[in-house]
Amino acid sequence: MKRVVIVSLVIVFLVGACTALLLYNKKKIDEKSNLDGNLREIPVFVTGVTTRSLDCNFQVNGSFSAVHEFVLLSETQGRVKELLFTAGDVVSKNQVLARLDDEVVKSQLAFSEAALEKSKSVPC
C-alpha cells in the first residue's frame, strides 16, 4: 500500500513539473512574439539598386499548367494512323494534326452506295 502511494505521488509530481515547464516555455514564447514596443527592433535587409541584363532561362521547382487548353475531337471515327505534331509544338488554325485509318469509313461508304443502288433498282 505504501508503494502505491509513493508511485502515485511521483507520477503527480512529474505531471505537475511537466505542466509548469510547458507553461513557462509558453510564457517566454509569447513574450518574444509580442511586437508591442519592439517595432524599432525588426531587422530589415537593404541592397543597392543595380542595372543588369536578365537571362531568358530560369529554374523553378513546381509544376506548370497550360493557359489555353482544348479538347480535340474528330468528325469521324477511326484509328489514328499518324500524328503530325509532338507535344509542345505550336500549331496553327486548319493545320492537319492527325491522320486516321479510313478503312471503316470506306466500307461504310461502299455499303451506303450499294444500298442506294439497290433502292434505285427497286420500282416504287
PDB file of N, CA and C in Angstrom:
ATOM      1  N   MET A   1       0.827  -1.189   0.000  1.00  0.00           N
ATOM      2  CA  MET A   1       0.000   0.000   0.000  1.00  0.00           C
ATOM      3  C   MET A   1       0.873   1.255   0.000  1.00  0.00           C
ATOM      4  N   LYS A   2       1.961   1.197   0.775  1.00  0.00           N
ATOM      5  CA  LYS A   2       2.874   2.308   0.856  1.00  0.00           C
ATOM      6  C   LYS A   2       3.521   2.575  -0.509  1.00  0.00           C
ATOM      7  N   ARG A   3       3.806   1.503  -1.212  1.00  0.00           N
ATOM      8  CA  ARG A   3       4.444   1.596  -2.538  1.00  0.00           C
ATOM      9  C   ARG A   3       3.509   2.293  -3.538  1.00  0.00           C
ATOM     10  N   VAL A   4       2.227   1.994  -3.528  1.00  0.00           N
ATOM     11  CA  VAL A   4       1.251   2.591  -4.432  1.00  0.00           C
ATOM     12  C   VAL A   4       1.155   4.089  -4.182  1.00  0.00           C
ATOM     13  N   VAL A   5       1.180   4.498  -2.945  1.00  0.00           N
ATOM     14  CA  VAL A   5       1.098   5.909  -2.608  1.00  0.00           C
ATOM     15  C   VAL A   5       2.339   6.639  -3.110  1.00  0.00           C
ATOM     16  N   ILE A   6       3.513   6.054  -2.929  1.00  0.00           N
ATOM     17  CA  ILE A   6       4.760   6.685  -3.374  1.00  0.00           C
ATOM     18  C   ILE A   6       4.777   6.816  -4.890  1.00  0.00           C
ATOM     19  N   VAL A   7       4.394   5.762  -5.609  1.00  0.00           N
ATOM     20  CA  VAL A   7       4.364   5.803  -7.070  1.00  0.00           C
ATOM     21  C   VAL A   7       3.361   6.844  -7.541  1.00  0.00           C
ATOM     22  N   SER A   8       2.213   6.929  -6.898  1.00  0.00           N
ATOM     23  CA  SER A   8       1.198   7.925  -7.272  1.00  0.00           C
ATOM     24  C   SER A   8       1.718   9.335  -7.049  1.00  0.00           C
ATOM     25  N   LEU A   9       2.394   9.579  -5.948  1.00  0.00           N
ATOM     26  CA  LEU A   9       2.944  10.903  -5.672  1.00  0.00           C
ATOM     27  C   LEU A   9       4.029  11.273  -6.684  1.00  0.00           C
ATOM     28  N   VAL A  10       4.856  10.316  -7.068  1.00  0.00           N
ATOM     29  CA  VAL A  10       5.904  10.576  -8.061  1.00  0.00           C
ATOM     30  C   VAL A  10       5.278  10.928  -9.408  1.00  0.00           C
ATOM     31  N   ILE A  11       4.238  10.207  -9.805  1.00  0.00           N
ATOM     32  CA  ILE A  11       3.573  10.478 -11.080  1.00  0.00           C
ATOM     33  C   ILE A  11       2.928  11.860 -11.048  1.00  0.00           C
ATOM     34  N   VAL A  12       2.245  12.212  -9.939  1.00  0.00           N
ATOM     35  CA  VAL A  12       1.614  13.524  -9.821  1.00  0.00           C
ATOM     36  C   VAL A  12       2.679  14.619  -9.871  1.00  0.00           C
ATOM     37  N   PHE A  13       3.823  14.403  -9.193  1.00  0.00           N
ATOM     38  CA  PHE A  13       4.905  15.380  -9.209  1.00  0.00           C
ATOM     39  C   PHE A  13       5.459  15.560 -10.622  1.00  0.00           C
ATOM     40  N   LEU A  14       5.664  14.458 -11.362  1.00  0.00           N
ATOM     41  CA  LEU A  14       6.197  14.557 -12.722  1.00  0.00           C
ATOM     42  C   LEU A  14       5.224  15.273 -13.656  1.00  0.00           C
ATOM     43  N   VAL A  15       3.949  14.966 -13.546  1.00  0.00           N
ATOM     44  CA  VAL A  15       2.949  15.637 -14.382  1.00  0.00           C
ATOM     45  C   VAL A  15       2.909  17.123 -14.052  1.00  0.00           C
ATOM     46  N   GLY A  16       2.973  17.474 -12.788  1.00  0.00           N
ATOM     47  CA  GLY A  16       2.980  18.877 -12.380  1.00  0.00           C
ATOM     48  C   GLY A  16       4.227  19.600 -12.883  1.00  0.00           C
ATOM     49  N   ALA A  17       5.382  18.939 -12.799  1.00  0.00           N
ATOM     50  CA  ALA A  17       6.624  19.551 -13.272  1.00  0.00           C
ATOM     51  C   ALA A  17       6.578  19.783 -14.776  1.00  0.00           C
ATOM     52  N   CYS A  18       6.058  18.808 -15.524  1.00  0.00           N
ATOM     53  CA  CYS A  18       5.933  18.969 -16.980  1.00  0.00           C
ATOM     54  C   CYS A  18       4.987  20.115 -17.325  1.00  0.00           C
ATOM     55  N   THR A  19       3.890  20.220 -16.604  1.00  0.00           N
ATOM     56  CA  THR A  19       2.925  21.289 -16.841  1.00  0.00           C
ATOM     57  C   THR A  19       3.556  22.650 -16.548  1.00  0.00           C
ATOM     58  N   ALA A  20       4.286  22.745 -15.449  1.00  0.00           N
ATOM     59  CA  ALA A  20       4.929  24.012 -15.101  1.00  0.00           C
ATOM     60  C   ALA A  20       5.964  24.394 -16.156  1.00  0.00           C
ATOM     61  N   LEU A  21       6.737  23.439 -16.629  1.00  0.00           N
ATOM     62  CA  LEU A  21       7.749  23.709 -17.656  1.00  0.00           C
ATOM     63  C   LEU A  21       7.100  24.168 -18.963  1.00  0.00           C
ATOM     64  N   LEU A  22       6.024  23.528 -19.370  1.00  0.00           N
ATOM     65  CA  LEU A  22       5.318  23.923 -20.587  1.00  0.00           C
ATOM     66  C   LEU A  22       4.737  25.334 -20.473  1.00  0.00           C
ATOM     67  N   LEU A  23       4.156  25.660 -19.328  1.00  0.00           N
ATOM     68  CA  LEU A  23       3.609  26.995 -19.125  1.00  0.00           C
ATOM     69  C   LEU A  23       4.712  28.054 -19.126  1.00  0.00           C
ATOM     70  N   TYR A  24       5.866  27.744 -18.518  1.00  0.00           N
ATOM     71  CA  TYR A  24       6.984  28.676 -18.518  1.00  0.00           C
ATOM     72  C   TYR A  24       7.501  28.910 -19.941  1.00  0.00           C
ATOM     73  N   ASN A  25       7.641  27.846 -20.733  1.00  0.00           N
ATOM     74  CA  ASN A  25       8.093  27.988 -22.129  1.00  0.00           C
ATOM     75  C   ASN A  25       7.092  28.770 -22.961  1.00  0.00           C
ATOM     76  N   LYS A  26       5.805  28.545 -22.734  1.00  0.00           N
ATOM     77  CA  LYS A  26       4.771  29.274 -23.470  1.00  0.00           C
ATOM     78  C   LYS A  26       4.849  30.757 -23.153  1.00  0.00           C
ATOM     79  N   LYS A  27       5.092  31.096 -21.885  1.00  0.00           N
ATOM     80  CA  LYS A  27       5.196  32.494 -21.493  1.00  0.00           C
ATOM     81  C   LYS A  27       6.393  33.156 -22.177  1.00  0.00           C
ATOM     82  N   LYS A  28       7.519  32.461 -22.260  1.00  0.00           N
ATOM     83  CA  LYS A  28       8.702  33.015 -22.922  1.00  0.00           C
ATOM     84  C   LYS A  28       8.454  33.216 -24.423  1.00  0.00           C
ATOM     85  N   ILE A  29       7.787  32.260 -25.058  1.00  0.00           N
ATOM     86  CA  ILE A  29       7.486  32.377 -26.497  1.00  0.00           C
ATOM     87  C   ILE A  29       6.528  33.528 -26.748  1.00  0.00           C
ATOM     88  N   ASP A  30       5.526  33.673 -25.895  1.00  0.00           N
ATOM     89  CA  ASP A  30       4.575  34.779 -26.047  1.00  0.00           C
ATOM     90  C   ASP A  30       5.269  36.132 -25.879  1.00  0.00           C
ATOM     91  N   GLU A  31       6.214  36.225 -24.965  1.00  0.00           N
ATOM     92  CA  GLU A  31       6.952  37.480 -24.773  1.00  0.00           C
ATOM     93  C   GLU A  31       7.796  37.812 -26.001  1.00  0.00           C
ATOM     94  N   LYS A  32       8.411  36.807 -26.600  1.00  0.00           N
ATOM     95  CA  LYS A  32       9.237  37.036 -27.788  1.00  0.00           C
ATOM     96  C   LYS A  32       8.387  37.440 -28.987  1.00  0.00           C
ATOM     97  N   SER A  33       7.199  36.865 -29.104  1.00  0.00           N
ATOM     98  CA  SER A  33       6.367  37.140 -30.276  1.00  0.00           C
ATOM     99  C   SER A  33       5.544  38.415 -30.130  1.00  0.00           C
ATOM    100  N   ASN A  34       5.509  39.009 -28.968  1.00  0.00           N
ATOM    101  CA  ASN A  34       4.758  40.238 -28.742  1.00  0.00           C
ATOM    102  C   ASN A  34       5.529  41.394 -29.367  1.00  0.00           C
ATOM    103  N   LEU A  35       4.924  42.093 -30.343  1.00  0.00           N
ATOM    104  CA  LEU A  35       5.594  43.185 -31.043  1.00  0.00           C
ATOM    105  C   LEU A  35       5.299  44.546 -30.443  1.00  0.00           C
ATOM    106  N   ASP A  36       4.471  44.624 -29.419  1.00  0.00           N
ATOM    107  CA  ASP A  36       4.158  45.918 -28.801  1.00  0.00           C
ATOM    108  C   ASP A  36       5.424  46.490 -28.165  1.00  0.00           C
ATOM    109  N   GLY A  37       5.866  47.636 -28.631  1.00  0.00           N
ATOM    110  CA  GLY A  37       7.055  48.265 -28.084  1.00  0.00           C
ATOM    111  C   GLY A  37       8.340  47.797 -28.736  1.00  0.00           C
ATOM    112  N   ASN A  38       8.319  46.742 -29.503  1.00  0.00           N
ATOM    113  CA  ASN A  38       9.532  46.222 -30.145  1.00  0.00           C
ATOM    114  C   ASN A  38       9.576  46.546 -31.630  1.00  0.00           C
ATOM    115  N   LEU A  39       8.778  47.491 -32.079  1.00  0.00           N
ATOM    116  CA  LEU A  39       8.712  47.780 -33.507  1.00  0.00           C
ATOM    117  C   LEU A  39      10.000  48.396 -34.038  1.00  0.00           C
ATOM    118  N   ARG A  40      10.831  48.988 -33.189  1.00  0.00           N
ATOM    119  CA  ARG A  40      12.085  49.572 -33.639  1.00  0.00           C
ATOM    120  C   ARG A  40      13.170  48.526 -33.806  1.00  0.00           C
ATOM    121  N   GLU A  41      12.908  47.284 -33.459  1.00  0.00           N
ATOM    122  CA  GLU A  41      13.948  46.255 -33.475  1.00  0.00           C
ATOM    123  C   GLU A  41      13.721  45.189 -34.541  1.00  0.00           C
ATOM    124  N   ILE A  42      12.865  45.446 -35.523  1.00  0.00           N
ATOM    125  CA  ILE A  42      12.622  44.471 -36.586  1.00  0.00           C
ATOM    126  C   ILE A  42      13.760  44.555 -37.587  1.00  0.00           C
ATOM    127  N   PRO A  43      14.459  43.448 -37.866  1.00  0.00           N
ATOM    128  CA  PRO A  43      15.590  43.511 -38.799  1.00  0.00           C
ATOM    129  C   PRO A  43      15.111  43.683 -40.243  1.00  0.00           C
ATOM    130  N   VAL A  44      15.803  44.549 -40.984  1.00  0.00           N
ATOM    131  CA  VAL A  44      15.496  44.808 -42.383  1.00  0.00           C
ATOM    132  C   VAL A  44      16.796  44.729 -43.160  1.00  0.00           C
ATOM    133  N   PHE A  45      16.780  44.024 -44.297  1.00  0.00           N
ATOM    134  CA  PHE A  45      17.960  43.886 -45.132  1.00  0.00           C
ATOM    135  C   PHE A  45      17.763  44.731 -46.390  1.00  0.00           C
ATOM    136  N   VAL A  46      18.715  45.590 -46.696  1.00  0.00           N
ATOM    137  CA  VAL A  46      18.613  46.513 -47.817  1.00  0.00           C
ATOM    138  C   VAL A  46      19.794  46.264 -48.745  1.00  0.00           C
ATOM    139  N   THR A  47      19.534  46.371 -50.036  1.00  0.00           N
ATOM    140  CA  THR A  47      20.598  46.259 -51.026  1.00  0.00           C
ATOM    141  C   THR A  47      20.452  47.405 -52.011  1.00  0.00           C
ATOM    142  N   GLY A  48      21.540  47.748 -52.636  1.00  0.00           N
ATOM    143  CA  GLY A  48      21.505  48.841 -53.588  1.00  0.00           C
ATOM    144  C   GLY A  48      20.877  48.430 -54.908  1.00  0.00           C
ATOM    145  N   VAL A  49      20.347  49.407 -55.640  1.00  0.00           N
ATOM    146  CA  VAL A  49      19.710  49.147 -56.922  1.00  0.00           C
ATOM    147  C   VAL A  49      20.795  49.086 -57.996  1.00  0.00           C
ATOM    148  N   THR A  50      20.750  48.048 -58.820  1.00  0.00           N
ATOM    149  CA  THR A  50      21.723  47.900 -59.906  1.00  0.00           C
ATOM    150  C   THR A  50      20.988  47.573 -61.193  1.00  0.00           C
ATOM    151  N   THR A  51      21.650  47.869 -62.305  1.00  0.00           N
ATOM    152  CA  THR A  51      21.100  47.541 -63.615  1.00  0.00           C
ATOM    153  C   THR A  51      21.889  46.363 -64.160  1.00  0.00           C
ATOM    154  N   ARG A  52      21.184  45.361 -64.648  1.00  0.00           N
ATOM    155  CA  ARG A  52      21.841  44.198 -65.257  1.00  0.00           C
ATOM    156  C   ARG A  52      20.868  43.520 -66.197  1.00  0.00           C
ATOM    157  N   SER A  53      21.422  42.770 -67.118  1.00  0.00           N
ATOM    158  CA  SER A  53      20.556  42.051 -68.060  1.00  0.00           C
ATOM    159  C   SER A  53      20.169  40.711 -67.448  1.00  0.00           C
ATOM    160  N   LEU A  54      18.977  40.291 -67.766  1.00  0.00           N
ATOM    161  CA  LEU A  54      18.465  39.037 -67.233  1.00  0.00           C
ATOM    162  C   LEU A  54      18.554  37.951 -68.279  1.00  0.00           C
ATOM    163  N   ASP A  55      18.813  36.730 -67.835  1.00  0.00           N
ATOM    164  CA  ASP A  55      18.809  35.577 -68.729  1.00  0.00           C
ATOM    165  C   ASP A  55      17.381  35.247 -69.126  1.00  0.00           C
ATOM    166  N   CYS A  56      17.234  34.660 -70.286  1.00  0.00           N
ATOM    167  CA  CYS A  56      15.915  34.178 -70.699  1.00  0.00           C
ATOM    168  C   CYS A  56      15.603  32.838 -70.044  1.00  0.00           C
ATOM    169  N   ASN A  57      16.588  32.209 -69.474  1.00  0.00           N
ATOM    170  CA  ASN A  57      16.401  30.910 -68.827  1.00  0.00           C
ATOM    171  C   ASN A  57      16.222  31.105 -67.329  1.00  0.00           C
ATOM    172  N   PHE A  58      15.407  30.272 -66.754  1.00  0.00           N
ATOM    173  CA  PHE A  58      15.240  30.312 -65.312  1.00  0.00           C
ATOM    174  C   PHE A  58      14.932  28.909 -64.815  1.00  0.00           C
ATOM    175  N   GLN A  59      15.148  28.676 -63.553  1.00  0.00           N
ATOM    176  CA  GLN A  59      14.878  27.383 -62.944  1.00  0.00           C
ATOM    177  C   GLN A  59      13.932  27.586 -61.776  1.00  0.00           C
ATOM    178  N   VAL A  60      12.932  26.736 -61.701  1.00  0.00           N
ATOM    179  CA  VAL A  60      11.987  26.791 -60.599  1.00  0.00           C
ATOM    180  C   VAL A  60      11.609  25.377 -60.203  1.00  0.00           C
ATOM    181  N   ASN A  61      11.140  25.241 -59.019  1.00  0.00           N
ATOM    182  CA  ASN A  61      10.558  23.982 -58.570  1.00  0.00           C
ATOM    183  C   ASN A  61       9.054  24.144 -58.600  1.00  0.00           C
ATOM    184  N   GLY A  62       8.370  23.161 -59.109  1.00  0.00           N
ATOM    185  CA  GLY A  62       6.922  23.238 -59.150  1.00  0.00           C
ATOM    186  C   GLY A  62       6.397  22.601 -60.412  1.00  0.00           C
ATOM    187  N   SER A  63       5.211  22.984 -60.779  1.00  0.00           N
ATOM    188  CA  SER A  63       4.600  22.426 -61.978  1.00  0.00           C
ATOM    189  C   SER A  63       3.975  23.551 -62.788  1.00  0.00           C
ATOM    190  N   PHE A  64       3.921  23.349 -64.082  1.00  0.00           N
ATOM    191  CA  PHE A  64       3.337  24.313 -64.995  1.00  0.00           C
ATOM    192  C   PHE A  64       2.032  23.753 -65.531  1.00  0.00           C
ATOM    193  N   SER A  65       1.120  24.627 -65.824  1.00  0.00           N
ATOM    194  CA  SER A  65      -0.109  24.197 -66.480  1.00  0.00           C
ATOM    195  C   SER A  65      -0.364  25.139 -67.653  1.00  0.00           C
ATOM    196  N   ALA A  66      -1.011  24.612 -68.659  1.00  0.00           N
ATOM    197  CA  ALA A  66      -1.265  25.382 -69.871  1.00  0.00           C
ATOM    198  C   ALA A  66      -2.284  26.479 -69.604  1.00  0.00           C
ATOM    199  N   VAL A  67      -2.113  27.606 -70.268  1.00  0.00           N
ATOM    200  CA  VAL A  67      -3.066  28.703 -70.130  1.00  0.00           C
ATOM    201  C   VAL A  67      -4.295  28.407 -70.986  1.00  0.00           C
ATOM    202  N   HIS A  68      -4.063  27.898 -72.197  1.00  0.00           N
ATOM    203  CA  HIS A  68      -5.155  27.576 -73.104  1.00  0.00           C
ATOM    204  C   HIS A  68      -5.154  26.074 -73.349  1.00  0.00           C
ATOM    205  N   GLU A  69      -6.267  25.442 -73.094  1.00  0.00           N
ATOM    206  CA  GLU A  69      -6.417  24.018 -73.342  1.00  0.00           C
ATOM    207  C   GLU A  69      -7.672  23.807 -74.169  1.00  0.00           C
ATOM    208  N   PHE A  70      -7.685  22.747 -74.950  1.00  0.00           N
ATOM    209  CA  PHE A  70      -8.895  22.413 -75.683  1.00  0.00           C
ATOM    210  C   PHE A  70      -8.960  20.909 -75.853  1.00  0.00           C
ATOM    211  N   VAL A  71     -10.155  20.438 -76.120  1.00  0.00           N
ATOM    212  CA  VAL A  71     -10.375  19.014 -76.345  1.00  0.00           C
ATOM    213  C   VAL A  71     -10.403  18.799 -77.852  1.00  0.00           C
ATOM    214  N   LEU A  72      -9.618  17.860 -78.314  1.00  0.00           N
ATOM    215  CA  LEU A  72      -9.528  17.564 -79.738  1.00  0.00           C
ATOM    216  C   LEU A  72     -10.509  16.449 -80.062  1.00  0.00           C
ATOM    217  N   LEU A  73     -11.456  16.719 -80.945  1.00  0.00           N
ATOM    218  CA  LEU A  73     -12.443  15.735 -81.357  1.00  0.00           C
ATOM    219  C   LEU A  73     -12.370  15.549 -82.863  1.00  0.00           C
ATOM    220  N   SER A  74     -12.600  14.332 -83.284  1.00  0.00           N
ATOM    221  CA  SER A  74     -12.603  14.040 -84.710  1.00  0.00           C
ATOM    222  C   SER A  74     -14.038  14.058 -85.218  1.00  0.00           C
ATOM    223  N   GLU A  75     -14.206  14.477 -86.453  1.00  0.00           N
ATOM    224  CA  GLU A  75     -15.547  14.484 -87.035  1.00  0.00           C
ATOM    225  C   GLU A  75     -15.991  13.080 -87.413  1.00  0.00           C
ATOM    226  N   THR A  76     -15.047  12.182 -87.601  1.00  0.00           N
ATOM    227  CA  THR A  76     -15.368  10.792 -87.933  1.00  0.00           C
ATOM    228  C   THR A  76     -14.657   9.881 -86.961  1.00  0.00           C
ATOM    229  N   GLN A  77     -15.053   8.613 -86.990  1.00  0.00           N
ATOM    230  CA  GLN A  77     -14.395   7.651 -86.125  1.00  0.00           C
ATOM    231  C   GLN A  77     -13.326   6.898 -86.904  1.00  0.00           C
ATOM    232  N   GLY A  78     -12.382   6.377 -86.201  1.00  0.00           N
ATOM    233  CA  GLY A  78     -11.322   5.603 -86.833  1.00  0.00           C
ATOM    234  C   GLY A  78     -10.093   5.560 -85.948  1.00  0.00           C
ATOM    235  N   ARG A  79      -9.188   4.679 -86.283  1.00  0.00           N
ATOM    236  CA  ARG A  79      -7.950   4.522 -85.534  1.00  0.00           C
ATOM    237  C   ARG A  79      -6.934   5.537 -86.051  1.00  0.00           C
ATOM    238  N   VAL A  80      -6.191   6.156 -85.140  1.00  0.00           N
ATOM    239  CA  VAL A  80      -5.178   7.145 -85.521  1.00  0.00           C
ATOM    240  C   VAL A  80      -4.000   6.407 -86.136  1.00  0.00           C
ATOM    241  N   LYS A  81      -3.683   6.754 -87.396  1.00  0.00           N
ATOM    242  CA  LYS A  81      -2.554   6.155 -88.088  1.00  0.00           C
ATOM    243  C   LYS A  81      -1.279   6.950 -87.867  1.00  0.00           C
ATOM    244  N   GLU A  82      -1.415   8.263 -87.803  1.00  0.00           N
ATOM    245  CA  GLU A  82      -0.226   9.096 -87.776  1.00  0.00           C
ATOM    246  C   GLU A  82      -0.536  10.414 -87.051  1.00  0.00           C
ATOM    247  N   LEU A  83       0.356  10.811 -86.142  1.00  0.00           N
ATOM    248  CA  LEU A  83       0.275  12.123 -85.503  1.00  0.00           C
ATOM    249  C   LEU A  83       1.280  13.026 -86.187  1.00  0.00           C
ATOM    250  N   LEU A  84       0.861  14.197 -86.577  1.00  0.00           N
ATOM    251  CA  LEU A  84       1.706  15.107 -87.339  1.00  0.00           C
ATOM    252  C   LEU A  84       2.266  16.240 -86.476  1.00  0.00           C
ATOM    253  N   PHE A  85       2.306  16.042 -85.164  1.00  0.00           N
ATOM    254  CA  PHE A  85       2.874  17.038 -84.259  1.00  0.00           C
ATOM    255  C   PHE A  85       3.403  16.301 -83.039  1.00  0.00           C
ATOM    256  N   THR A  86       4.194  16.987 -82.246  1.00  0.00           N
ATOM    257  CA  THR A  86       4.672  16.441 -80.974  1.00  0.00           C
ATOM    258  C   THR A  86       4.257  17.389 -79.864  1.00  0.00           C
ATOM    259  N   ALA A  87       4.317  16.912 -78.648  1.00  0.00           N
ATOM    260  CA  ALA A  87       3.923  17.740 -77.501  1.00  0.00           C
ATOM    261  C   ALA A  87       4.801  18.977 -77.442  1.00  0.00           C
ATOM    262  N   GLY A  88       4.182  20.116 -77.284  1.00  0.00           N
ATOM    263  CA  GLY A  88       4.910  21.375 -77.194  1.00  0.00           C
ATOM    264  C   GLY A  88       5.005  22.126 -78.503  1.00  0.00           C
ATOM    265  N   ASP A  89       4.625  21.497 -79.635  1.00  0.00           N
ATOM    266  CA  ASP A  89       4.671  22.183 -80.921  1.00  0.00           C
ATOM    267  C   ASP A  89       3.602  23.274 -80.975  1.00  0.00           C
ATOM    268  N   VAL A  90       3.906  24.321 -81.710  1.00  0.00           N
ATOM    269  CA  VAL A  90       2.923  25.373 -81.961  1.00  0.00           C
ATOM    270  C   VAL A  90       2.184  24.997 -83.235  1.00  0.00           C
ATOM    271  N   VAL A  91       0.862  24.973 -83.167  1.00  0.00           N
ATOM    272  CA  VAL A  91       0.056  24.608 -84.335  1.00  0.00           C
ATOM    273  C   VAL A  91      -0.777  25.810 -84.743  1.00  0.00           C
ATOM    274  N   SER A  92      -1.180  25.806 -85.993  1.00  0.00           N
ATOM    275  CA  SER A  92      -1.973  26.925 -86.491  1.00  0.00           C
ATOM    276  C   SER A  92      -3.372  26.449 -86.869  1.00  0.00           C
ATOM    277  N   LYS A  93      -4.233  27.393 -87.108  1.00  0.00           N
ATOM    278  CA  LYS A  93      -5.614  27.098 -87.465  1.00  0.00           C
ATOM    279  C   LYS A  93      -5.636  26.333 -88.790  1.00  0.00           C
ATOM    280  N   ASN A  94      -6.505  25.342 -88.880  1.00  0.00           N
ATOM    281  CA  ASN A  94      -6.716  24.497 -90.063  1.00  0.00           C
ATOM    282  C   ASN A  94      -5.522  23.596 -90.380  1.00  0.00           C
ATOM    283  N   GLN A  95      -4.578  23.450 -89.468  1.00  0.00           N
ATOM    284  CA  GLN A  95      -3.451  22.543 -89.683  1.00  0.00           C
ATOM    285  C   GLN A  95      -3.906  21.115 -89.391  1.00  0.00           C
ATOM    286  N   VAL A  96      -3.517  20.172 -90.259  1.00  0.00           N
ATOM    287  CA  VAL A  96      -3.845  18.764 -90.053  1.00  0.00           C
ATOM    288  C   VAL A  96      -2.974  18.249 -88.912  1.00  0.00           C
ATOM    289  N   LEU A  97      -3.600  17.682 -87.890  1.00  0.00           N
ATOM    290  CA  LEU A  97      -2.872  17.218 -86.721  1.00  0.00           C
ATOM    291  C   LEU A  97      -2.698  15.715 -86.696  1.00  0.00           C
ATOM    292  N   ALA A  98      -3.614  14.987 -87.312  1.00  0.00           N
ATOM    293  CA  ALA A  98      -3.550  13.527 -87.277  1.00  0.00           C
ATOM    294  C   ALA A  98      -4.198  12.955 -88.525  1.00  0.00           C
ATOM    295  N   ARG A  99      -3.755  11.774 -88.889  1.00  0.00           N
ATOM    296  CA  ARG A  99      -4.380  11.044 -89.994  1.00  0.00           C
ATOM    297  C   ARG A  99      -5.013   9.780 -89.408  1.00  0.00           C
ATOM    298  N   LEU A 100      -6.256   9.533 -89.833  1.00  0.00           N
ATOM    299  CA  LEU A 100      -6.993   8.386 -89.336  1.00  0.00           C
ATOM    300  C   LEU A 100      -6.978   7.259 -90.361  1.00  0.00           C
ATOM    301  N   ASP A 101      -7.096   6.035 -89.862  1.00  0.00           N
ATOM    302  CA  ASP A 101      -7.258   4.872 -90.735  1.00  0.00           C
ATOM    303  C   ASP A 101      -8.688   4.921 -91.258  1.00  0.00           C
ATOM    304  N   ASP A 102      -8.846   5.043 -92.570  1.00  0.00           N
ATOM    305  CA  ASP A 102     -10.172   5.269 -93.141  1.00  0.00           C
ATOM    306  C   ASP A 102     -10.822   4.006 -93.704  1.00  0.00           C
ATOM    307  N   GLU A 103     -10.356   2.835 -93.336  1.00  0.00           N
ATOM    308  CA  GLU A 103     -10.955   1.604 -93.855  1.00  0.00           C
ATOM    309  C   GLU A 103     -12.414   1.469 -93.430  1.00  0.00           C
ATOM    310  N   VAL A 104     -12.712   1.797 -92.180  1.00  0.00           N
ATOM    311  CA  VAL A 104     -14.091   1.665 -91.687  1.00  0.00           C
ATOM    312  C   VAL A 104     -14.999   2.632 -92.439  1.00  0.00           C
ATOM    313  N   VAL A 105     -14.547   3.855 -92.626  1.00  0.00           N
ATOM    314  CA  VAL A 105     -15.361   4.852 -93.317  1.00  0.00           C
ATOM    315  C   VAL A 105     -15.560   4.439 -94.777  1.00  0.00           C
ATOM    316  N   LYS A 106     -14.507   3.925 -95.423  1.00  0.00           N
ATOM    317  CA  LYS A 106     -14.632   3.488 -96.822  1.00  0.00           C
ATOM    318  C   LYS A 106     -15.612   2.327 -96.945  1.00  0.00           C
ATOM    319  N   SER A 107     -15.579   1.399 -95.987  1.00  0.00           N
ATOM    320  CA  SER A 107     -16.519   0.269 -96.059  1.00  0.00           C
ATOM    321  C   SER A 107     -17.955   0.742 -95.816  1.00  0.00           C
ATOM    322  N   GLN A 108     -18.146   1.705 -94.914  1.00  0.00           N
ATOM    323  CA  GLN A 108     -19.488   2.256 -94.692  1.00  0.00           C
ATOM    324  C   GLN A 108     -19.982   2.988 -95.938  1.00  0.00           C
ATOM    325  N   LEU A 109     -19.082   3.711 -96.604  1.00  0.00           N
ATOM    326  CA  LEU A 109     -19.449   4.406 -97.837  1.00  0.00           C
ATOM    327  C   LEU A 109     -19.849   3.404 -98.917  1.00  0.00           C
ATOM    328  N   ALA A 110     -19.070   2.337 -99.076  1.00  0.00           N
ATOM    329  CA  ALA A 110     -19.394   1.309-100.084  1.00  0.00           C
ATOM    330  C   ALA A 110     -20.737   0.656 -99.773  1.00  0.00           C
ATOM    331  N   PHE A 111     -20.992   0.385 -98.480  1.00  0.00           N
ATOM    332  CA  PHE A 111     -22.267  -0.219 -98.082  1.00  0.00           C
ATOM    333  C   PHE A 111     -23.424   0.738 -98.383  1.00  0.00           C
ATOM    334  N   SER A 112     -23.239   2.027 -98.092  1.00  0.00           N
ATOM    335  CA  SER A 112     -24.289   3.011 -98.351  1.00  0.00           C
ATOM    336  C   SER A 112     -24.541   3.180 -99.846  1.00  0.00           C
ATOM    337  N   GLU A 113     -23.469   3.176-100.640  1.00  0.00           N
ATOM    338  CA  GLU A 113     -23.638   3.290-102.094  1.00  0.00           C
ATOM    339  C   GLU A 113     -24.361   2.073-102.654  1.00  0.00           C
ATOM    340  N   ALA A 114     -24.031   0.892-102.136  1.00  0.00           N
ATOM    341  CA  ALA A 114     -24.718  -0.325-102.590  1.00  0.00           C
ATOM    342  C   ALA A 114     -26.197  -0.269-102.214  1.00  0.00           C
ATOM    343  N   ALA A 115     -26.486   0.205-101.027  1.00  0.00           N
ATOM    344  CA  ALA A 115     -27.887   0.313-100.607  1.00  0.00           C
ATOM    345  C   ALA A 115     -28.622   1.325-101.465  1.00  0.00           C
ATOM    346  N   LEU A 116     -27.953   2.410-101.842  1.00  0.00           N
ATOM    347  CA  LEU A 116     -28.563   3.417-102.710  1.00  0.00           C
ATOM    348  C   LEU A 116     -28.872   2.828-104.081  1.00  0.00           C
ATOM    349  N   GLU A 117     -27.920   2.098-104.661  1.00  0.00           N
ATOM    350  CA  GLU A 117     -28.133   1.463-105.969  1.00  0.00           C
ATOM    351  C   GLU A 117     -29.270   0.441-105.906  1.00  0.00           C
ATOM    352  N   LYS A 118     -29.301  -0.276-104.823  1.00  0.00           N
ATOM    353  CA  LYS A 118     -30.376  -1.272-104.668  1.00  0.00           C
ATOM    354  C   LYS A 118     -31.721  -0.593-104.577  1.00  0.00           C
ATOM    355  N   SER A 119     -31.797   0.503-103.850  1.00  0.00           N
ATOM    356  CA  SER A 119     -33.087   1.202-103.703  1.00  0.00           C
ATOM    357  C   SER A 119     -33.498   1.844-105.021  1.00  0.00           C
ATOM    358  N   LYS A 120     -32.552   2.225-105.877  1.00  0.00           N
ATOM    359  CA  LYS A 120     -32.882   2.813-107.173  1.00  0.00           C
ATOM    360  C   LYS A 120     -33.419   1.733-108.127  1.00  0.00           C
ATOM    361  N   SER A 121     -32.959   0.511-107.980  1.00  0.00           N
ATOM    362  CA  SER A 121     -33.377  -0.536-108.901  1.00  0.00           C
ATOM    363  C   SER A 121     -34.742  -1.117-108.535  1.00  0.00           C
ATOM    364  N   VAL A 122     -35.187  -0.934-107.311  1.00  0.00           N
ATOM    365  CA  VAL A 122     -36.484  -1.464-106.906  1.00  0.00           C
ATOM    366  C   VAL A 122     -37.555  -0.459-107.305  1.00  0.00           C
ATOM    367  N   PRO A 123     -38.585  -0.903-108.114  1.00  0.00           N
ATOM    368  CA  PRO A 123     -39.646   0.024-108.513  1.00  0.00           C
ATOM    369  C   PRO A 123     -40.549   0.356-107.333  1.00  0.00           C
ATOM    370  N   CYS A 124     -41.016   1.559-107.307  1.00  0.00           N
ATOM    371  CA  CYS A 124     -41.896   2.008-106.212  1.00  0.00           C
ATOM    372  C   CYS A 124     -43.285   1.541-106.416  1.00  0.00           C
TER     373      CYS A 124
END
